[in-house]
Amino acid sequence: MYPLAHRTLIECCRNADRVTSKYAPSRPNPNQADPPVSHRFAPDGPSIMQINIGDHRSPVAGYLPVPPHLRSRLYWARTRARLIASKIPDADKYFLHLPKRRSLTELLADRSIWINYSVLLGGDYGEATGYDQIAIGSSAFRVGRWTVLATVIHELAHCDGASGRNTNIEAELAVLACGLGKRSEQVLSDDPCTPYDPRTRG
């Protein structure tokens, strides 16, 4: 197994906002909308993983366009994932260690991969079907955008061949390799202030 990152994402992105708990929804001002999304974040560029805004019909039943009020969080997550790939070398290296041998950078630049929305996942944050269809569930959005980001990373690991068996930890270790957790959580216990959860399987 490839050694995981020593630095957390927060250490690499010093101006990043606080990571919210994966168990309790963040408590923003109820009158405050999501931060505005710059035009450079929102459009799907010529080489970028795509977000379904109604321009894609997924072959997977229940995979729907992302509702308008949730899109800014996914645009933010996609942009932050690209920042992780460029700032944390262990992220690409970990993904290259997975069965499909594709780096995080390569996956994020693959226009055949679509992120969809699903209300059928129950308490699960996300799901990947095949190697190009991802669904993010409503529960991930309820927790906060850092959990949405971690879910995107986790599901991209499945697109890279990480096993979905309920005893396998490959996909969640990708979250750790991307600086979204602490290595100490593997030995001690889950830190609710990071999106990484060492208890997650599949």
Protein backbone atom coordinates (compact mmCIF):
# COMPACT_ATOMS: atom_id res chain seq x y z
CA MET A 1 0.00 0.00 0.00
CA TYR A 2 1.31 3.42 -0.87
CA PRO A 3 2.28 5.62 2.13
CA LEU A 4 -0.45 8.16 2.74
CA ALA A 5 -0.12 11.91 2.80
CA HIS A 6 1.37 13.51 5.90
CA ARG A 7 -0.23 16.87 5.16
CA THR A 8 -3.92 17.47 5.41
CA LEU A 9 -5.82 19.46 2.83
CA ILE A 10 -6.22 22.26 5.34
CA GLU A 11 -2.44 22.54 5.65
CA CYS A 12 -2.17 22.79 1.86
CA CYS A 13 -5.02 25.27 1.51
CA ARG A 14 -4.56 27.65 4.40
CA ASN A 15 -7.45 29.83 3.39
CA ALA A 16 -9.86 26.90 3.24
CA ASP A 17 -12.98 27.10 5.35
CA ARG A 18 -13.50 24.76 8.31
CA VAL A 19 -14.22 21.12 7.68
CA THR A 20 -17.69 20.25 8.91
CA SER A 21 -18.58 17.14 10.84
CA LYS A 22 -19.70 14.14 8.83
CA TYR A 23 -22.25 13.28 11.50
CA ALA A 24 -23.92 16.56 12.31
CA PRO A 25 -25.01 19.03 9.62
CA SER A 26 -23.10 22.26 9.61
CA ARG A 27 -24.94 25.22 11.07
CA PRO A 28 -24.64 28.10 8.61
CA ASN A 29 -26.70 31.22 8.91
CA PRO A 30 -30.12 30.05 7.66
CA ASN A 31 -30.47 33.28 5.70
CA GLN A 32 -27.10 32.87 4.03
CA ALA A 33 -26.97 31.23 0.61
CA ASP A 34 -24.07 29.20 -0.70
CA PRO A 35 -21.11 31.36 -1.75
CA PRO A 36 -21.49 32.57 -5.33
CA VAL A 37 -19.84 30.32 -7.87
CA SER A 38 -17.43 32.08 -10.16
CA HIS A 39 -18.03 31.53 -13.87
CA ARG A 40 -14.70 29.75 -14.04
CA PHE A 41 -15.97 27.08 -11.64
CA ALA A 42 -19.35 26.42 -13.16
CA PRO A 43 -19.04 25.63 -16.88
CA ASP A 44 -17.81 22.23 -17.92
CA GLY A 45 -14.58 22.92 -19.71
CA PRO A 46 -13.14 20.97 -22.64
CA SER A 47 -11.47 18.40 -20.37
CA ILE A 48 -13.26 18.04 -17.06
CA MET A 49 -15.43 15.51 -15.28
CA GLN A 50 -19.04 16.49 -15.89
CA ILE A 51 -21.92 17.38 -13.60
CA ASN A 52 -25.39 16.44 -14.77
CA ILE A 53 -27.46 19.64 -14.89
CA GLY A 54 -30.09 18.16 -17.18
CA ASP A 55 -27.88 17.68 -20.22
CA HIS A 56 -27.28 13.97 -19.56
CA ARG A 57 -29.56 10.97 -19.22
CA SER A 58 -27.83 8.41 -17.06
CA PRO A 59 -28.30 4.76 -18.02
CA VAL A 60 -28.64 4.02 -14.29
CA ALA A 61 -32.17 4.14 -12.91
CA GLY A 62 -32.57 6.84 -10.27
CA TYR A 63 -29.52 8.86 -11.34
CA LEU A 64 -30.93 12.32 -11.95
CA PRO A 65 -29.77 15.85 -12.79
CA VAL A 66 -28.33 17.70 -9.80
CA PRO A 67 -30.97 20.14 -8.49
CA PRO A 68 -30.09 23.81 -9.13
CA HIS A 69 -29.78 24.70 -5.44
CA LEU A 70 -27.12 21.99 -4.92
CA ARG A 71 -24.97 22.59 -7.99
CA SER A 72 -22.71 25.22 -6.47
CA ARG A 73 -21.56 22.70 -3.85
CA LEU A 74 -20.62 20.20 -6.54
CA TYR A 75 -18.84 22.84 -8.61
CA TRP A 76 -16.92 23.78 -5.48
CA ALA A 77 -16.11 20.12 -4.74
CA ARG A 78 -14.90 19.49 -8.28
CA THR A 79 -12.70 22.57 -8.22
CA ARG A 80 -11.29 21.62 -4.81
CA ALA A 81 -10.62 18.08 -6.02
CA ARG A 82 -8.55 19.49 -8.87
CA LEU A 83 -6.66 21.60 -6.34
CA ILE A 84 -5.96 18.48 -4.29
CA ALA A 85 -4.61 16.70 -7.37
CA SER A 86 -2.26 19.60 -8.09
CA LYS A 87 -1.14 20.29 -4.50
CA ILE A 88 -0.95 16.85 -2.86
CA PRO A 89 1.27 14.46 -4.86
CA ASP A 90 0.17 11.46 -2.80
CA ALA A 91 -3.35 11.85 -4.22
CA ASP A 92 -2.33 10.96 -7.78
CA LYS A 93 0.10 8.35 -6.51
CA TYR A 94 -2.58 6.59 -4.48
CA PHE A 95 -5.02 6.48 -7.39
CA LEU A 96 -2.30 5.09 -9.65
CA HIS A 97 -2.01 2.22 -7.16
CA LEU A 98 -5.68 1.22 -7.71
CA PRO A 99 -6.64 -1.52 -10.23
CA LYS A 100 -7.38 0.77 -13.19
CA ARG A 101 -4.10 2.67 -12.68
CA ARG A 102 -5.62 6.09 -13.44
CA SER A 103 -4.46 9.16 -11.54
CA LEU A 104 -6.87 11.49 -9.80
CA THR A 105 -5.83 14.18 -12.29
CA GLU A 106 -6.75 11.91 -15.19
CA LEU A 107 -10.12 10.98 -13.72
CA LEU A 108 -11.03 14.61 -13.06
CA ALA A 109 -10.22 15.41 -16.70
CA ASP A 110 -12.35 12.58 -18.08
CA ARG A 111 -15.50 14.00 -19.71
CA SER A 112 -17.05 10.53 -19.89
CA ILE A 113 -17.48 10.52 -16.09
CA TRP A 114 -20.74 12.05 -14.93
CA ILE A 115 -21.81 13.11 -11.45
CA ASN A 116 -25.53 12.71 -10.90
CA TYR A 117 -27.95 13.12 -8.01
CA SER A 118 -29.99 10.38 -6.36
CA VAL A 119 -32.67 10.29 -3.71
CA LEU A 120 -32.59 6.48 -3.59
CA LEU A 121 -29.39 6.05 -1.58
CA GLY A 122 -30.96 6.28 1.87
CA GLY A 123 -28.26 7.22 4.35
CA ASP A 124 -25.43 6.47 1.93
CA TYR A 125 -23.51 9.50 0.70
CA GLY A 126 -22.79 8.22 -2.80
CA GLU A 127 -22.57 5.39 -5.27
CA ALA A 128 -20.65 4.56 -8.42
CA THR A 129 -21.98 2.31 -11.18
CA GLY A 130 -19.60 1.07 -13.82
CA TYR A 131 -16.62 3.32 -14.27
CA ASP A 132 -18.35 6.49 -15.44
CA GLN A 133 -21.56 7.06 -13.47
CA ILE A 134 -21.48 8.57 -9.98
CA ALA A 135 -24.46 9.55 -7.83
CA ILE A 136 -24.28 11.82 -4.79
CA GLY A 137 -27.10 11.34 -2.29
CA SER A 138 -29.09 13.93 -0.43
CA SER A 139 -27.51 12.93 2.89
CA ALA A 140 -24.06 14.08 1.72
CA PHE A 141 -25.44 17.48 0.78
CA ARG A 142 -27.16 17.76 4.14
CA VAL A 143 -23.88 17.28 6.01
CA GLY A 144 -21.98 19.86 3.97
CA ARG A 145 -19.75 20.51 1.01
CA TRP A 146 -16.64 18.93 2.56
CA THR A 147 -18.57 15.66 2.79
CA VAL A 148 -19.67 16.13 -0.83
CA LEU A 149 -16.00 16.55 -1.77
CA ALA A 150 -14.97 13.42 0.16
CA THR A 151 -17.82 11.49 -1.46
CA VAL A 152 -16.70 12.53 -4.94
CA ILE A 153 -13.16 11.37 -4.13
CA HIS A 154 -14.42 8.09 -2.67
CA GLU A 155 -16.60 7.35 -5.70
CA LEU A 156 -13.82 8.28 -8.15
CA ALA A 157 -11.73 5.60 -6.43
CA HIS A 158 -14.45 3.10 -7.37
CA CYS A 159 -14.28 4.42 -10.96
CA ASP A 160 -10.58 3.60 -10.74
CA GLY A 161 -11.34 0.01 -9.78
CA ALA A 162 -11.45 0.13 -5.96
CA SER A 163 -13.57 -2.74 -4.69
CA GLY A 164 -17.05 -2.05 -3.39
CA ARG A 165 -17.10 -5.10 -1.12
CA ASN A 166 -18.23 -4.34 2.39
CA THR A 167 -14.88 -5.44 3.81
CA ASN A 168 -12.77 -3.27 1.51
CA ILE A 169 -11.27 0.08 2.52
CA GLU A 170 -9.53 1.10 -0.72
CA ALA A 171 -12.02 3.81 -1.69
CA GLU A 172 -12.09 5.47 1.72
CA LEU A 173 -8.29 5.38 1.93
CA ALA A 174 -8.34 7.55 -1.20
CA VAL A 175 -10.09 10.20 0.92
CA LEU A 176 -7.23 9.99 3.43
CA ALA A 177 -4.59 10.11 0.69
CA CYS A 178 -6.21 13.31 -0.58
CA GLY A 179 -5.61 15.06 2.73
CA LEU A 180 -9.19 14.90 3.96
CA GLY A 181 -8.34 13.10 7.16
CA LYS A 182 -5.56 12.33 9.64
CA ARG A 183 -3.44 9.20 9.63
CA SER A 184 -3.89 9.05 13.41
CA GLU A 185 -7.57 8.23 12.82
CA GLN A 186 -6.52 4.79 11.58
CA VAL A 187 -4.98 4.00 14.96
CA LEU A 188 -6.98 6.04 17.44
CA SER A 189 -10.55 6.84 16.43
CA ASP A 190 -12.58 8.78 13.92
CA ASP A 191 -12.21 12.54 14.12
CA PRO A 192 -15.66 14.03 13.41
CA CYS A 193 -14.01 17.22 12.16
CA THR A 194 -12.67 15.47 9.05
CA PRO A 195 -14.67 13.86 6.23
CA TYR A 196 -12.52 10.72 6.33
CA ASP A 197 -14.05 7.87 8.32
CA PRO A 198 -11.79 4.87 9.05
CA ARG A 199 -14.88 2.74 9.71
CA THR A 200 -16.23 3.13 6.16
CA ARG A 201 -16.14 -0.02 4.04
CA GLY A 202 -17.03 -0.56 0.41
